[in-house]
């Protein structure tokens, strides 16, 4: 391998790392807060507080955990995205490793599930999955195995919360997500992972396959509001829902078409506002 090729390969690796870091920051700073009403509604319903030992699957950059920890809950988060998890660590464990740092009520893992239960040795009584399913083909495929691995760490009769997108007619973002499907399908064969309409029983289907018993559900309004179209494009692309479209075409093409799809939701002051409804399903083990 020539020195030139070595240098280009290294530059490509650094570029990919920079892109991953930028996307993680876009998620944490722009997009993640859009789901805050969902977190609060679930925690209110379940009365999350100091007695709660919560395991968050796909915890991302940790906002849902931070909200639970503010209520006094003991929280553990797991995520395979190390860039997002690094941001979660900065939020939840800012003094980690510092001399004289206090004992924390949070734990984070990027290499799979923890070997045991919570920090105090007690099993988890709440498992949450706040990454909504139901708008991309195959977006729940890895969820059942993840739940099956996590359930042995939970107490008998523990609560499990699954979340998903609401009906397309109640989600203004749905037409924008169709851009992802159209671009992903522009290749032959089409790229997997494109948008598809949410089905009424998406969450119930996952619960049944994981051996969980549904015990109630709810819908929560989670409008997506952005300061400007550029922030909207960055936030939406940080979700990963447009990855297949980017692979099928290129990022600049996706950004251009998403920006065009946002025109109906732009306000006179330049902000972007898209009302959405999300659904959650409460289950027991």
C-alpha atoms as a PDB file:
ATOM      1  CA  UNK A   1       0.000   0.000   0.000  1.00  0.00           C
ATOM      2  CA  UNK A   2       1.446   3.372  -0.988  1.00  0.00           C
ATOM      3  CA  UNK A   3       1.885   6.246   1.484  1.00  0.00           C
ATOM      4  CA  UNK A   4      -0.798   8.181  -0.414  1.00  0.00           C
ATOM      5  CA  UNK A   5      -3.331   5.396  -0.013  1.00  0.00           C
ATOM      6  CA  UNK A   6      -2.475   5.018   3.649  1.00  0.00           C
ATOM      7  CA  UNK A   7      -3.007   8.734   4.204  1.00  0.00           C
ATOM      8  CA  UNK A   8      -6.332   8.758   2.340  1.00  0.00           C
ATOM      9  CA  UNK A   9      -7.569   5.767   4.296  1.00  0.00           C
ATOM     10  CA  UNK A  10      -6.608   7.440   7.551  1.00  0.00           C
ATOM     11  CA  UNK A  11      -8.322  10.656   6.469  1.00  0.00           C
ATOM     12  CA  UNK A  12     -11.481   8.681   5.631  1.00  0.00           C
ATOM     13  CA  UNK A  13     -11.442   7.071   9.079  1.00  0.00           C
ATOM     14  CA  UNK A  14     -11.043  10.458  10.770  1.00  0.00           C
ATOM     15  CA  UNK A  15     -13.844  11.882   8.620  1.00  0.00           C
ATOM     16  CA  UNK A  16     -16.167   9.016   9.574  1.00  0.00           C
ATOM     17  CA  UNK A  17     -15.367   9.543  13.258  1.00  0.00           C
ATOM     18  CA  UNK A  18     -16.044  13.273  12.916  1.00  0.00           C
ATOM     19  CA  UNK A  19     -19.349  12.590  11.169  1.00  0.00           C
ATOM     20  CA  UNK A  20     -20.388  10.184  13.947  1.00  0.00           C
ATOM     21  CA  UNK A  21     -19.465  12.721  16.606  1.00  0.00           C
ATOM     22  CA  UNK A  22     -21.342  15.510  14.830  1.00  0.00           C
ATOM     23  CA  UNK A  23     -24.445  13.368  14.433  1.00  0.00           C
ATOM     24  CA  UNK A  24     -24.367  12.375  18.098  1.00  0.00           C
ATOM     25  CA  UNK A  25     -24.156  16.045  19.112  1.00  0.00           C
ATOM     26  CA  UNK A  26     -26.998  16.936  16.737  1.00  0.00           C
ATOM     27  CA  UNK A  27     -29.085  14.227  18.388  1.00  0.00           C
ATOM     28  CA  UNK A  28     -28.274  15.403  21.907  1.00  0.00           C
ATOM     29  CA  UNK A  29     -28.549  19.148  21.241  1.00  0.00           C
ATOM     30  CA  UNK A  30     -31.422  19.265  18.725  1.00  0.00           C
ATOM     31  CA  UNK A  31     -33.499  16.107  18.405  1.00  0.00           C
ATOM     32  CA  UNK A  32     -33.533  14.171  21.675  1.00  0.00           C
ATOM     33  CA  UNK A  33     -35.498  16.824  23.573  1.00  0.00           C
ATOM     34  CA  UNK A  34     -38.442  16.368  21.189  1.00  0.00           C
ATOM     35  CA  UNK A  35     -39.288  13.171  23.069  1.00  0.00           C
ATOM     36  CA  UNK A  36     -39.141  14.751  26.536  1.00  0.00           C
ATOM     37  CA  UNK A  37     -42.975  14.863  26.828  1.00  0.00           C
ATOM     38  CA  UNK A  38     -42.992  11.094  26.234  1.00  0.00           C
ATOM     39  CA  UNK A  39     -40.481  10.490  29.019  1.00  0.00           C
ATOM     40  CA  UNK A  40     -42.392  12.681  31.455  1.00  0.00           C
ATOM     41  CA  UNK A  41     -45.758  11.066  30.648  1.00  0.00           C
ATOM     42  CA  UNK A  42     -44.386   7.570  31.210  1.00  0.00           C
ATOM     43  CA  UNK A  43     -42.654   8.528  34.458  1.00  0.00           C
ATOM     44  CA  UNK A  44     -45.764  10.278  35.750  1.00  0.00           C
ATOM     45  CA  UNK A  45     -47.920   7.261  35.004  1.00  0.00           C
ATOM     46  CA  UNK A  46     -45.476   4.836  36.655  1.00  0.00           C
ATOM     47  CA  UNK A  47     -44.661   7.185  39.555  1.00  0.00           C
ATOM     48  CA  UNK A  48     -40.923   6.907  38.935  1.00  0.00           C
ATOM     49  CA  UNK A  49     -38.984   8.050  41.985  1.00  0.00           C
ATOM     50  CA  UNK A  50     -36.314   7.098  44.547  1.00  0.00           C
ATOM     51  CA  UNK A  51     -37.576   3.523  44.803  1.00  0.00           C
ATOM     52  CA  UNK A  52     -37.242   2.941  41.035  1.00  0.00           C
ATOM     53  CA  UNK A  53     -34.391   0.889  39.585  1.00  0.00           C
ATOM     54  CA  UNK A  54     -34.494   1.511  35.856  1.00  0.00           C
ATOM     55  CA  UNK A  55     -32.661  -0.124  32.960  1.00  0.00           C
ATOM     56  CA  UNK A  56     -32.763   1.952  29.764  1.00  0.00           C
ATOM     57  CA  UNK A  57     -32.148  -0.022  26.559  1.00  0.00           C
ATOM     58  CA  UNK A  58     -30.837   2.170  23.755  1.00  0.00           C
ATOM     59  CA  UNK A  59     -30.325   5.042  26.179  1.00  0.00           C
ATOM     60  CA  UNK A  60     -28.689   7.306  23.589  1.00  0.00           C
ATOM     61  CA  UNK A  61     -27.207  10.469  25.017  1.00  0.00           C
ATOM     62  CA  UNK A  62     -29.064   9.997  28.270  1.00  0.00           C
ATOM     63  CA  UNK A  63     -31.823  12.607  28.474  1.00  0.00           C
ATOM     64  CA  UNK A  64     -34.483  10.085  29.535  1.00  0.00           C
ATOM     65  CA  UNK A  65     -32.111   8.763  32.204  1.00  0.00           C
ATOM     66  CA  UNK A  66     -31.344  12.297  33.382  1.00  0.00           C
ATOM     67  CA  UNK A  67     -35.053  13.021  33.806  1.00  0.00           C
ATOM     68  CA  UNK A  68     -35.512   9.786  35.798  1.00  0.00           C
ATOM     69  CA  UNK A  69     -32.423  10.469  37.915  1.00  0.00           C
ATOM     70  CA  UNK A  70     -33.773  13.941  38.716  1.00  0.00           C
ATOM     71  CA  UNK A  71     -36.773  12.154  40.207  1.00  0.00           C
ATOM     72  CA  UNK A  72     -34.401  10.137  42.399  1.00  0.00           C
ATOM     73  CA  UNK A  73     -34.391   6.890  40.389  1.00  0.00           C
ATOM     74  CA  UNK A  74     -31.381   4.585  40.154  1.00  0.00           C
ATOM     75  CA  UNK A  75     -30.655   4.382  36.419  1.00  0.00           C
ATOM     76  CA  UNK A  76     -28.565   2.114  34.201  1.00  0.00           C
ATOM     77  CA  UNK A  77     -28.189   2.752  30.479  1.00  0.00           C
ATOM     78  CA  UNK A  78     -27.027   0.564  27.605  1.00  0.00           C
ATOM     79  CA  UNK A  79     -26.278   1.721  24.069  1.00  0.00           C
ATOM     80  CA  UNK A  80     -24.026   0.509  21.250  1.00  0.00           C
ATOM     81  CA  UNK A  81     -23.475   4.055  19.930  1.00  0.00           C
ATOM     82  CA  UNK A  82     -20.332   5.085  21.778  1.00  0.00           C
ATOM     83  CA  UNK A  83     -20.517   8.701  20.625  1.00  0.00           C
ATOM     84  CA  UNK A  84     -23.982   9.142  22.098  1.00  0.00           C
ATOM     85  CA  UNK A  85     -22.983   7.237  25.211  1.00  0.00           C
ATOM     86  CA  UNK A  86     -20.003   9.537  25.738  1.00  0.00           C
ATOM     87  CA  UNK A  87     -22.427  12.459  25.821  1.00  0.00           C
ATOM     88  CA  UNK A  88     -24.637  10.552  28.274  1.00  0.00           C
ATOM     89  CA  UNK A  89     -21.611   9.990  30.478  1.00  0.00           C
ATOM     90  CA  UNK A  90     -20.816  13.716  30.454  1.00  0.00           C
ATOM     91  CA  UNK A  91     -24.411  14.460  31.488  1.00  0.00           C
ATOM     92  CA  UNK A  92     -24.891  11.786  34.125  1.00  0.00           C
ATOM     93  CA  UNK A  93     -21.377  11.190  35.440  1.00  0.00           C
ATOM     94  CA  UNK A  94     -19.591  14.545  35.120  1.00  0.00           C
ATOM     95  CA  UNK A  95     -17.302  13.836  38.093  1.00  0.00           C
ATOM     96  CA  UNK A  96     -16.600  10.183  37.244  1.00  0.00           C
ATOM     97  CA  UNK A  97     -13.097   9.246  38.343  1.00  0.00           C
ATOM     98  CA  UNK A  98     -12.535  12.467  40.245  1.00  0.00           C
ATOM     99  CA  UNK A  99     -11.026  12.130  43.718  1.00  0.00           C
ATOM    100  CA  UNK A 100     -13.703  12.350  46.356  1.00  0.00           C
ATOM    101  CA  UNK A 101     -16.517  12.138  43.795  1.00  0.00           C
ATOM    102  CA  UNK A 102     -19.823  11.091  45.359  1.00  0.00           C
ATOM    103  CA  UNK A 103     -21.443   7.729  44.707  1.00  0.00           C
ATOM    104  CA  UNK A 104     -23.620   7.985  41.620  1.00  0.00           C
ATOM    105  CA  UNK A 105     -27.074   6.612  40.994  1.00  0.00           C
ATOM    106  CA  UNK A 106     -26.266   6.029  37.307  1.00  0.00           C
ATOM    107  CA  UNK A 107     -24.353   3.373  35.379  1.00  0.00           C
ATOM    108  CA  UNK A 108     -23.605   3.268  31.648  1.00  0.00           C
ATOM    109  CA  UNK A 109     -22.520   0.373  29.414  1.00  0.00           C
ATOM    110  CA  UNK A 110     -21.422   0.303  25.787  1.00  0.00           C
ATOM    111  CA  UNK A 111     -20.415  -3.355  25.598  1.00  0.00           C
ATOM    112  CA  UNK A 112     -23.705  -5.115  26.219  1.00  0.00           C
ATOM    113  CA  UNK A 113     -25.916  -5.564  29.228  1.00  0.00           C
ATOM    114  CA  UNK A 114     -24.453  -5.291  32.741  1.00  0.00           C
ATOM    115  CA  UNK A 115     -23.389  -8.539  34.337  1.00  0.00           C
ATOM    116  CA  UNK A 116     -25.756  -8.058  37.254  1.00  0.00           C
ATOM    117  CA  UNK A 117     -28.607  -5.909  38.451  1.00  0.00           C
ATOM    118  CA  UNK A 118     -28.498  -2.347  39.738  1.00  0.00           C
ATOM    119  CA  UNK A 119     -25.643  -0.765  41.627  1.00  0.00           C
ATOM    120  CA  UNK A 120     -27.197  -1.728  44.964  1.00  0.00           C
ATOM    121  CA  UNK A 121     -27.565  -5.369  43.903  1.00  0.00           C
ATOM    122  CA  UNK A 122     -31.356  -5.239  43.600  1.00  0.00           C
ATOM    123  CA  UNK A 123     -32.989  -6.308  40.321  1.00  0.00           C
ATOM    124  CA  UNK A 124     -34.484  -3.719  37.998  1.00  0.00           C
ATOM    125  CA  UNK A 125     -38.177  -3.026  38.404  1.00  0.00           C
ATOM    126  CA  UNK A 126     -38.464  -0.920  35.231  1.00  0.00           C
ATOM    127  CA  UNK A 127     -37.048  -1.485  31.745  1.00  0.00           C
ATOM    128  CA  UNK A 128     -37.581   1.245  29.167  1.00  0.00           C
ATOM    129  CA  UNK A 129     -37.141   1.337  25.400  1.00  0.00           C
ATOM    130  CA  UNK A 130     -37.553   4.983  24.419  1.00  0.00           C
ATOM    131  CA  UNK A 131     -36.305   4.567  20.850  1.00  0.00           C
ATOM    132  CA  UNK A 132     -39.648   4.582  18.998  1.00  0.00           C
ATOM    133  CA  UNK A 133     -40.349   1.806  16.527  1.00  0.00           C
ATOM    134  CA  UNK A 134     -42.910   1.588  13.775  1.00  0.00           C
ATOM    135  CA  UNK A 135     -41.807   3.911  10.999  1.00  0.00           C
ATOM    136  CA  UNK A 136     -38.987   1.975   9.301  1.00  0.00           C
ATOM    137  CA  UNK A 137     -39.077  -1.529   7.906  1.00  0.00           C
ATOM    138  CA  UNK A 138     -37.357  -3.921  10.302  1.00  0.00           C
ATOM    139  CA  UNK A 139     -36.778  -1.338  13.035  1.00  0.00           C
ATOM    140  CA  UNK A 140     -37.943  -3.769  15.743  1.00  0.00           C
ATOM    141  CA  UNK A 141     -35.865  -6.773  14.616  1.00  0.00           C
ATOM    142  CA  UNK A 142     -33.210  -6.437  17.323  1.00  0.00           C
ATOM    143  CA  UNK A 143     -35.607  -5.405  20.057  1.00  0.00           C
ATOM    144  CA  UNK A 144     -36.968  -8.816  21.019  1.00  0.00           C
ATOM    145  CA  UNK A 145     -33.497 -10.392  21.537  1.00  0.00           C
ATOM    146  CA  UNK A 146     -32.452  -7.323  23.550  1.00  0.00           C
ATOM    147  CA  UNK A 147     -35.515  -7.661  25.766  1.00  0.00           C
ATOM    148  CA  UNK A 148     -34.987 -11.390  26.208  1.00  0.00           C
ATOM    149  CA  UNK A 149     -31.417 -10.701  27.377  1.00  0.00           C
ATOM    150  CA  UNK A 150     -32.525  -7.944  29.754  1.00  0.00           C
ATOM    151  CA  UNK A 151     -35.481  -9.672  31.401  1.00  0.00           C
ATOM    152  CA  UNK A 152     -33.350 -11.997  33.602  1.00  0.00           C
ATOM    153  CA  UNK A 153     -32.003  -8.827  35.263  1.00  0.00           C
ATOM    154  CA  UNK A 154     -35.495  -7.657  36.200  1.00  0.00           C
ATOM    155  CA  UNK A 155     -37.607  -8.487  39.226  1.00  0.00           C
ATOM    156  CA  UNK A 156     -40.600 -10.742  38.833  1.00  0.00           C
ATOM    157  CA  UNK A 157     -43.547  -8.644  37.721  1.00  0.00           C
ATOM    158  CA  UNK A 158     -41.296  -5.778  36.625  1.00  0.00           C
ATOM    159  CA  UNK A 159     -42.629  -3.142  34.251  1.00  0.00           C
ATOM    160  CA  UNK A 160     -41.406  -2.859  30.667  1.00  0.00           C
ATOM    161  CA  UNK A 161     -42.236   0.183  28.526  1.00  0.00           C
ATOM    162  CA  UNK A 162     -42.124   0.053  24.728  1.00  0.00           C
ATOM    163  CA  UNK A 163     -42.578   3.138  22.554  1.00  0.00           C
ATOM    164  CA  UNK A 164     -43.541   3.762  18.951  1.00  0.00           C
ATOM    165  CA  UNK A 165     -44.680   6.346  16.446  1.00  0.00           C
ATOM    166  CA  UNK A 166     -48.355   7.170  16.384  1.00  0.00           C
ATOM    167  CA  UNK A 167     -50.661   6.873  13.357  1.00  0.00           C
ATOM    168  CA  UNK A 168     -49.252   8.582  10.240  1.00  0.00           C
ATOM    169  CA  UNK A 169     -52.281  10.871  10.055  1.00  0.00           C
ATOM    170  CA  UNK A 170     -51.367  12.184  13.519  1.00  0.00           C
ATOM    171  CA  UNK A 171     -47.664  12.673  12.714  1.00  0.00           C
ATOM    172  CA  UNK A 172     -46.703  15.664  10.597  1.00  0.00           C
ATOM    173  CA  UNK A 173     -43.203  14.204  10.276  1.00  0.00           C
ATOM    174  CA  UNK A 174     -44.505  11.179   8.324  1.00  0.00           C
ATOM    175  CA  UNK A 175     -44.453  12.901   4.893  1.00  0.00           C
ATOM    176  CA  UNK A 176     -40.862  14.012   5.531  1.00  0.00           C
ATOM    177  CA  UNK A 177     -39.870  10.463   6.459  1.00  0.00           C
ATOM    178  CA  UNK A 178     -41.337   9.263   3.157  1.00  0.00           C
ATOM    179  CA  UNK A 179     -38.440  11.065   1.518  1.00  0.00           C
ATOM    180  CA  UNK A 180     -36.158   8.491   3.153  1.00  0.00           C
ATOM    181  CA  UNK A 181     -38.200   5.632   1.705  1.00  0.00           C
ATOM    182  CA  UNK A 182     -38.330   7.103  -1.792  1.00  0.00           C
ATOM    183  CA  UNK A 183     -34.581   7.732  -1.955  1.00  0.00           C
ATOM    184  CA  UNK A 184     -33.716   4.348  -0.418  1.00  0.00           C
ATOM    185  CA  UNK A 185     -35.913   2.654  -3.011  1.00  0.00           C
ATOM    186  CA  UNK A 186     -34.276   4.543  -5.878  1.00  0.00           C
ATOM    187  CA  UNK A 187     -31.567   1.875  -6.114  1.00  0.00           C
ATOM    188  CA  UNK A 188     -32.007  -1.618  -7.511  1.00  0.00           C
ATOM    189  CA  UNK A 189     -32.424  -3.638  -5.422  1.00  0.00           C
ATOM    190  CA  UNK A 190     -33.896  -1.096  -2.970  1.00  0.00           C
ATOM    191  CA  UNK A 191     -31.962  -0.427   0.220  1.00  0.00           C
ATOM    192  CA  UNK A 192     -33.541  -1.942   3.346  1.00  0.00           C
ATOM    193  CA  UNK A 193     -34.737   0.218   6.209  1.00  0.00           C
ATOM    194  CA  UNK A 194     -37.022   2.654   4.403  1.00  0.00           C
ATOM    195  CA  UNK A 195     -40.087   4.306   5.906  1.00  0.00           C
ATOM    196  CA  UNK A 196     -43.329   2.358   6.178  1.00  0.00           C
ATOM    197  CA  UNK A 197     -46.671   3.271   7.768  1.00  0.00           C
ATOM    198  CA  UNK A 198     -47.010   2.592  11.485  1.00  0.00           C
ATOM    199  CA  UNK A 199     -49.208  -0.426  12.204  1.00  0.00           C
ATOM    200  CA  UNK A 200     -51.718  -0.400  15.043  1.00  0.00           C
ATOM    201  CA  UNK A 201     -50.271  -3.462  16.795  1.00  0.00           C
ATOM    202  CA  UNK A 202     -46.526  -2.865  16.303  1.00  0.00           C
ATOM    203  CA  UNK A 203     -45.859  -2.598  20.035  1.00  0.00           C
ATOM    204  CA  UNK A 204     -48.197  -5.449  20.951  1.00  0.00           C
ATOM    205  CA  UNK A 205     -46.440  -7.679  18.436  1.00  0.00           C
ATOM    206  CA  UNK A 206     -43.052  -7.020  20.050  1.00  0.00           C
ATOM    207  CA  UNK A 207     -44.512  -7.624  23.511  1.00  0.00           C
ATOM    208  CA  UNK A 208     -46.014 -10.951  22.439  1.00  0.00           C
ATOM    209  CA  UNK A 209     -42.771 -12.160  20.870  1.00  0.00           C
ATOM    210  CA  UNK A 210     -40.825 -11.180  24.012  1.00  0.00           C
ATOM    211  CA  UNK A 211     -43.298 -12.931  26.334  1.00  0.00           C
ATOM    212  CA  UNK A 212     -44.550  -9.722  27.950  1.00  0.00           C
ATOM    213  CA  UNK A 213     -48.084  -9.020  29.155  1.00  0.00           C
ATOM    214  CA  UNK A 214     -49.590  -5.682  28.009  1.00  0.00           C
ATOM    215  CA  UNK A 215     -50.979  -3.684  30.917  1.00  0.00           C
ATOM    216  CA  UNK A 216     -52.105  -0.393  29.445  1.00  0.00           C
ATOM    217  CA  UNK A 217     -51.012   2.145  26.878  1.00  0.00           C
ATOM    218  CA  UNK A 218     -51.086   5.844  26.158  1.00  0.00           C
ATOM    219  CA  UNK A 219     -50.526   8.486  23.515  1.00  0.00           C
ATOM    220  CA  UNK A 220     -48.411  11.593  23.974  1.00  0.00           C
ATOM    221  CA  UNK A 221     -48.103  14.732  21.866  1.00  0.00           C
ATOM    222  CA  UNK A 222     -44.461  15.315  20.948  1.00  0.00           C
ATOM    223  CA  UNK A 223     -44.229  18.202  18.485  1.00  0.00           C
ATOM    224  CA  UNK A 224     -40.932  18.603  16.645  1.00  0.00           C
ATOM    225  CA  UNK A 225     -39.985  22.276  16.848  1.00  0.00           C
ATOM    226  CA  UNK A 226     -36.802  23.719  15.336  1.00  0.00           C
ATOM    227  CA  UNK A 227     -35.251  27.163  15.293  1.00  0.00           C
ATOM    228  CA  UNK A 228     -34.758  27.050  11.512  1.00  0.00           C
ATOM    229  CA  UNK A 229     -34.780  24.589   8.568  1.00  0.00           C
ATOM    230  CA  UNK A 230     -31.065  23.847   8.922  1.00  0.00           C
ATOM    231  CA  UNK A 231     -31.574  22.724  12.538  1.00  0.00           C
ATOM    232  CA  UNK A 232     -34.553  20.623  11.414  1.00  0.00           C
ATOM    233  CA  UNK A 233     -32.525  18.850   8.737  1.00  0.00           C
ATOM    234  CA  UNK A 234     -29.646  18.198  11.128  1.00  0.00           C
ATOM    235  CA  UNK A 235     -31.972  16.944  13.850  1.00  0.00           C
ATOM    236  CA  UNK A 236     -33.922  14.624  11.583  1.00  0.00           C
ATOM    237  CA  UNK A 237     -30.806  13.134   9.991  1.00  0.00           C
ATOM    238  CA  UNK A 238     -29.357  12.485  13.465  1.00  0.00           C
ATOM    239  CA  UNK A 239     -32.150   9.967  14.133  1.00  0.00           C
ATOM    240  CA  UNK A 240     -30.699   7.381  11.744  1.00  0.00           C
ATOM    241  CA  UNK A 241     -34.009   7.143   9.874  1.00  0.00           C
ATOM    242  CA  UNK A 242     -32.381   8.584   6.751  1.00  0.00           C
ATOM    243  CA  UNK A 243     -29.264   6.378   6.765  1.00  0.00           C
ATOM    244  CA  UNK A 244     -30.545   4.062   4.044  1.00  0.00           C
ATOM    245  CA  UNK A 245     -31.350   7.067   1.864  1.00  0.00           C
ATOM    246  CA  UNK A 246     -27.856   8.493   2.379  1.00  0.00           C
ATOM    247  CA  UNK A 247     -26.315   5.157   1.405  1.00  0.00           C
ATOM    248  CA  UNK A 248     -28.512   4.963  -1.684  1.00  0.00           C
ATOM    249  CA  UNK A 249     -27.735   8.508  -2.864  1.00  0.00           C
ATOM    250  CA  UNK A 250     -25.541  10.903  -0.858  1.00  0.00           C
ATOM    251  CA  UNK A 251     -25.955  13.151   2.150  1.00  0.00           C
ATOM    252  CA  UNK A 252     -26.230  16.407   0.196  1.00  0.00           C
ATOM    253  CA  UNK A 253     -29.076  15.004  -1.909  1.00  0.00           C
ATOM    254  CA  UNK A 254     -30.916  13.811   1.201  1.00  0.00           C
ATOM    255  CA  UNK A 255     -30.416  17.162   2.956  1.00  0.00           C
ATOM    256  CA  UNK A 256     -31.762  19.016  -0.097  1.00  0.00           C
ATOM    257  CA  UNK A 257     -34.888  16.876  -0.411  1.00  0.00           C
ATOM    258  CA  UNK A 258     -35.615  16.877   3.327  1.00  0.00           C
ATOM    259  CA  UNK A 259     -35.330  20.679   3.350  1.00  0.00           C
ATOM    260  CA  UNK A 260     -37.834  20.852   0.484  1.00  0.00           C
ATOM    261  CA  UNK A 261     -40.227  18.498   2.306  1.00  0.00           C
ATOM    262  CA  UNK A 262     -40.135  20.805   5.343  1.00  0.00           C
ATOM    263  CA  UNK A 263     -41.593  23.793   3.469  1.00  0.00           C
ATOM    264  CA  UNK A 264     -45.225  23.148   4.576  1.00  0.00           C
ATOM    265  CA  UNK A 265     -44.123  23.255   8.217  1.00  0.00           C
ATOM    266  CA  UNK A 266     -42.138  26.507   8.112  1.00  0.00           C
ATOM    267  CA  UNK A 267     -43.621  29.431  10.001  1.00  0.00           C
ATOM    268  CA  UNK A 268     -43.369  33.097   8.979  1.00  0.00           C
ATOM    269  CA  UNK A 269     -40.643  33.649  11.599  1.00  0.00           C
ATOM    270  CA  UNK A 270     -38.483  30.918  10.008  1.00  0.00           C
ATOM    271  CA  UNK A 271     -39.079  28.255  12.655  1.00  0.00           C
ATOM    272  CA  UNK A 272     -40.249  24.736  11.782  1.00  0.00           C
ATOM    273  CA  UNK A 273     -43.146  23.132  13.667  1.00  0.00           C
ATOM    274  CA  UNK A 274     -44.409  19.568  13.140  1.00  0.00           C
ATOM    275  CA  UNK A 275     -47.046  18.144  15.528  1.00  0.00           C
ATOM    276  CA  UNK A 276     -46.597  14.434  16.228  1.00  0.00           C
ATOM    277  CA  UNK A 277     -48.150  11.784  18.428  1.00  0.00           C
ATOM    278  CA  UNK A 278     -46.170   8.925  19.960  1.00  0.00           C
ATOM    279  CA  UNK A 279     -47.530   5.833  21.657  1.00  0.00           C
ATOM    280  CA  UNK A 280     -46.270   3.827  24.615  1.00  0.00           C
ATOM    281  CA  UNK A 281     -47.205   0.347  25.815  1.00  0.00           C
ATOM    282  CA  UNK A 282     -46.825  -0.638  29.465  1.00  0.00           C
ATOM    283  CA  UNK A 283     -46.106  -4.349  29.981  1.00  0.00           C
ATOM    284  CA  UNK A 284     -45.269  -6.664  32.853  1.00  0.00           C
ATOM    285  CA  UNK A 285     -42.833  -9.551  32.922  1.00  0.00           C
END
